[in-house]
């Protein structure tokens, strides 16, 4: 009797190429299921989901000026380890972005 090799596993009559193709498809299906379970978007890779701010900006819910302000405040909070900056600190961030009072005061909407 002859011994079976690894390539002889599977239905008879299939070529090596067909077996490899099936194995690749099975691996892709397993990976797809794992990605869905982890809640990650496969195209971005693990841990590459967009932040809520970036998503809002990319989807047009926020203009460039608003996005720049949000990112500057987030950077200030990260650098100074302050999860809740005071209004004085927020004003400092606004001034650091280059904003200056040049017009007369308007009514607040």
C-alpha atoms as a PDB file:
ATOM      1  CA  UNK A   1       0.000   0.000   0.000  1.00  0.00           C
ATOM      2  CA  UNK A   2       1.209   3.486  -0.730  1.00  0.00           C
ATOM      3  CA  UNK A   3       1.225   6.239   1.880  1.00  0.00           C
ATOM      4  CA  UNK A   4      -0.979   9.279   1.369  1.00  0.00           C
ATOM      5  CA  UNK A   5       0.782  12.615   1.096  1.00  0.00           C
ATOM      6  CA  UNK A   6      -0.581  15.948   2.313  1.00  0.00           C
ATOM      7  CA  UNK A   7      -1.665  16.858  -1.210  1.00  0.00           C
ATOM      8  CA  UNK A   8      -3.956  13.819  -1.399  1.00  0.00           C
ATOM      9  CA  UNK A   9      -6.366  15.255   1.198  1.00  0.00           C
ATOM     10  CA  UNK A  10      -9.689  16.438  -0.163  1.00  0.00           C
ATOM     11  CA  UNK A  11     -11.975  15.087  -2.845  1.00  0.00           C
ATOM     12  CA  UNK A  12     -10.322  12.943  -5.519  1.00  0.00           C
ATOM     13  CA  UNK A  13      -9.898  14.456  -8.947  1.00  0.00           C
ATOM     14  CA  UNK A  14      -9.034  17.998  -7.868  1.00  0.00           C
ATOM     15  CA  UNK A  15      -5.783  19.521  -8.993  1.00  0.00           C
ATOM     16  CA  UNK A  16      -3.281  21.084  -6.603  1.00  0.00           C
ATOM     17  CA  UNK A  17      -4.209  24.531  -7.898  1.00  0.00           C
ATOM     18  CA  UNK A  18      -7.910  23.968  -7.156  1.00  0.00           C
ATOM     19  CA  UNK A  19      -7.071  22.796  -3.628  1.00  0.00           C
ATOM     20  CA  UNK A  20      -4.899  25.857  -2.976  1.00  0.00           C
ATOM     21  CA  UNK A  21      -7.622  28.127  -4.326  1.00  0.00           C
ATOM     22  CA  UNK A  22     -10.194  26.556  -1.975  1.00  0.00           C
ATOM     23  CA  UNK A  23      -7.830  26.950   0.966  1.00  0.00           C
ATOM     24  CA  UNK A  24      -7.337  30.658   0.167  1.00  0.00           C
ATOM     25  CA  UNK A  25     -11.098  31.200  -0.052  1.00  0.00           C
ATOM     26  CA  UNK A  26     -11.663  29.410   3.265  1.00  0.00           C
ATOM     27  CA  UNK A  27      -8.963  31.541   4.917  1.00  0.00           C
ATOM     28  CA  UNK A  28     -10.529  34.728   3.528  1.00  0.00           C
ATOM     29  CA  UNK A  29     -13.948  33.712   4.906  1.00  0.00           C
ATOM     30  CA  UNK A  30     -12.461  33.007   8.345  1.00  0.00           C
ATOM     31  CA  UNK A  31     -10.669  36.368   8.326  1.00  0.00           C
ATOM     32  CA  UNK A  32     -13.870  38.156   7.299  1.00  0.00           C
ATOM     33  CA  UNK A  33     -15.780  36.620  10.206  1.00  0.00           C
ATOM     34  CA  UNK A  34     -13.009  37.573  12.642  1.00  0.00           C
ATOM     35  CA  UNK A  35     -12.984  41.175  11.379  1.00  0.00           C
ATOM     36  CA  UNK A  36     -16.757  41.530  11.805  1.00  0.00           C
ATOM     37  CA  UNK A  37     -16.585  40.134  15.328  1.00  0.00           C
ATOM     38  CA  UNK A  38     -13.876  42.614  16.285  1.00  0.00           C
ATOM     39  CA  UNK A  39     -15.970  45.494  14.935  1.00  0.00           C
ATOM     40  CA  UNK A  40     -13.089  46.797  12.836  1.00  0.00           C
ATOM     41  CA  UNK A  41     -13.322  48.027   9.309  1.00  0.00           C
ATOM     42  CA  UNK A  42     -11.135  45.724   7.188  1.00  0.00           C
ATOM     43  CA  UNK A  43     -10.030  48.340   4.681  1.00  0.00           C
ATOM     44  CA  UNK A  44      -8.402  50.497   7.359  1.00  0.00           C
ATOM     45  CA  UNK A  45      -6.738  47.658   9.225  1.00  0.00           C
ATOM     46  CA  UNK A  46      -6.874  46.909  12.940  1.00  0.00           C
ATOM     47  CA  UNK A  47      -7.113  49.932  15.200  1.00  0.00           C
ATOM     48  CA  UNK A  48      -7.479  52.415  12.342  1.00  0.00           C
ATOM     49  CA  UNK A  49     -11.060  53.565  12.792  1.00  0.00           C
ATOM     50  CA  UNK A  50     -11.792  57.243  12.270  1.00  0.00           C
ATOM     51  CA  UNK A  51     -12.436  59.453  15.274  1.00  0.00           C
ATOM     52  CA  UNK A  52     -15.908  60.971  15.580  1.00  0.00           C
ATOM     53  CA  UNK A  53     -14.469  64.407  14.799  1.00  0.00           C
ATOM     54  CA  UNK A  54     -12.695  63.193  11.663  1.00  0.00           C
ATOM     55  CA  UNK A  55     -15.811  61.292  10.527  1.00  0.00           C
ATOM     56  CA  UNK A  56     -17.980  64.402  11.009  1.00  0.00           C
ATOM     57  CA  UNK A  57     -15.508  66.554   9.095  1.00  0.00           C
ATOM     58  CA  UNK A  58     -15.181  64.062   6.223  1.00  0.00           C
ATOM     59  CA  UNK A  59     -18.939  63.691   5.926  1.00  0.00           C
ATOM     60  CA  UNK A  60     -19.496  67.452   5.697  1.00  0.00           C
ATOM     61  CA  UNK A  61     -21.034  67.985   9.127  1.00  0.00           C
ATOM     62  CA  UNK A  62     -18.179  70.286  10.096  1.00  0.00           C
ATOM     63  CA  UNK A  63     -16.331  72.931   8.100  1.00  0.00           C
ATOM     64  CA  UNK A  64     -12.524  73.213   7.991  1.00  0.00           C
ATOM     65  CA  UNK A  65     -12.444  76.033  10.541  1.00  0.00           C
ATOM     66  CA  UNK A  66     -14.475  74.050  13.069  1.00  0.00           C
ATOM     67  CA  UNK A  67     -12.350  70.945  12.517  1.00  0.00           C
ATOM     68  CA  UNK A  68      -9.115  72.918  13.015  1.00  0.00           C
ATOM     69  CA  UNK A  69     -10.474  74.319  16.300  1.00  0.00           C
ATOM     70  CA  UNK A  70     -11.540  70.881  17.579  1.00  0.00           C
ATOM     71  CA  UNK A  71      -8.131  69.397  16.710  1.00  0.00           C
ATOM     72  CA  UNK A  72      -6.330  72.305  18.438  1.00  0.00           C
ATOM     73  CA  UNK A  73      -8.394  71.878  21.616  1.00  0.00           C
ATOM     74  CA  UNK A  74      -7.774  68.114  21.576  1.00  0.00           C
ATOM     75  CA  UNK A  75      -4.033  68.700  21.166  1.00  0.00           C
ATOM     76  CA  UNK A  76      -4.066  71.193  24.074  1.00  0.00           C
ATOM     77  CA  UNK A  77      -5.892  68.672  26.275  1.00  0.00           C
ATOM     78  CA  UNK A  78      -3.429  65.923  25.364  1.00  0.00           C
ATOM     79  CA  UNK A  79      -0.291  68.019  25.889  1.00  0.00           C
ATOM     80  CA  UNK A  80      -1.467  69.518  29.190  1.00  0.00           C
ATOM     81  CA  UNK A  81      -3.232  66.390  30.489  1.00  0.00           C
ATOM     82  CA  UNK A  82      -6.414  68.412  30.972  1.00  0.00           C
ATOM     83  CA  UNK A  83      -9.593  66.569  29.987  1.00  0.00           C
ATOM     84  CA  UNK A  84     -11.705  69.683  30.661  1.00  0.00           C
ATOM     85  CA  UNK A  85      -9.923  72.970  29.871  1.00  0.00           C
ATOM     86  CA  UNK A  86     -11.217  76.177  31.438  1.00  0.00           C
ATOM     87  CA  UNK A  87     -12.730  78.901  29.273  1.00  0.00           C
ATOM     88  CA  UNK A  88      -9.535  80.915  29.730  1.00  0.00           C
ATOM     89  CA  UNK A  89      -7.552  77.991  28.326  1.00  0.00           C
ATOM     90  CA  UNK A  90      -9.989  77.677  25.408  1.00  0.00           C
ATOM     91  CA  UNK A  91      -9.480  81.393  24.683  1.00  0.00           C
ATOM     92  CA  UNK A  92      -5.706  80.787  24.723  1.00  0.00           C
ATOM     93  CA  UNK A  93      -6.151  78.015  22.137  1.00  0.00           C
ATOM     94  CA  UNK A  94      -8.254  80.330  19.962  1.00  0.00           C
ATOM     95  CA  UNK A  95      -5.571  83.030  20.131  1.00  0.00           C
ATOM     96  CA  UNK A  96      -2.869  80.440  19.356  1.00  0.00           C
ATOM     97  CA  UNK A  97      -4.780  79.607  16.166  1.00  0.00           C
ATOM     98  CA  UNK A  98      -4.385  83.272  15.129  1.00  0.00           C
ATOM     99  CA  UNK A  99      -7.817  84.648  15.938  1.00  0.00           C
ATOM    100  CA  UNK A 100      -7.902  88.298  17.066  1.00  0.00           C
ATOM    101  CA  UNK A 101     -10.748  90.659  17.808  1.00  0.00           C
ATOM    102  CA  UNK A 102     -10.890  93.024  14.829  1.00  0.00           C
ATOM    103  CA  UNK A 103     -14.625  93.620  14.394  1.00  0.00           C
ATOM    104  CA  UNK A 104     -17.331  95.031  16.605  1.00  0.00           C
ATOM    105  CA  UNK A 105     -19.257  92.637  18.767  1.00  0.00           C
ATOM    106  CA  UNK A 106     -22.281  90.932  17.201  1.00  0.00           C
ATOM    107  CA  UNK A 107     -25.407  89.561  18.871  1.00  0.00           C
ATOM    108  CA  UNK A 108     -25.084  85.947  19.944  1.00  0.00           C
ATOM    109  CA  UNK A 109     -27.523  83.741  18.035  1.00  0.00           C
END
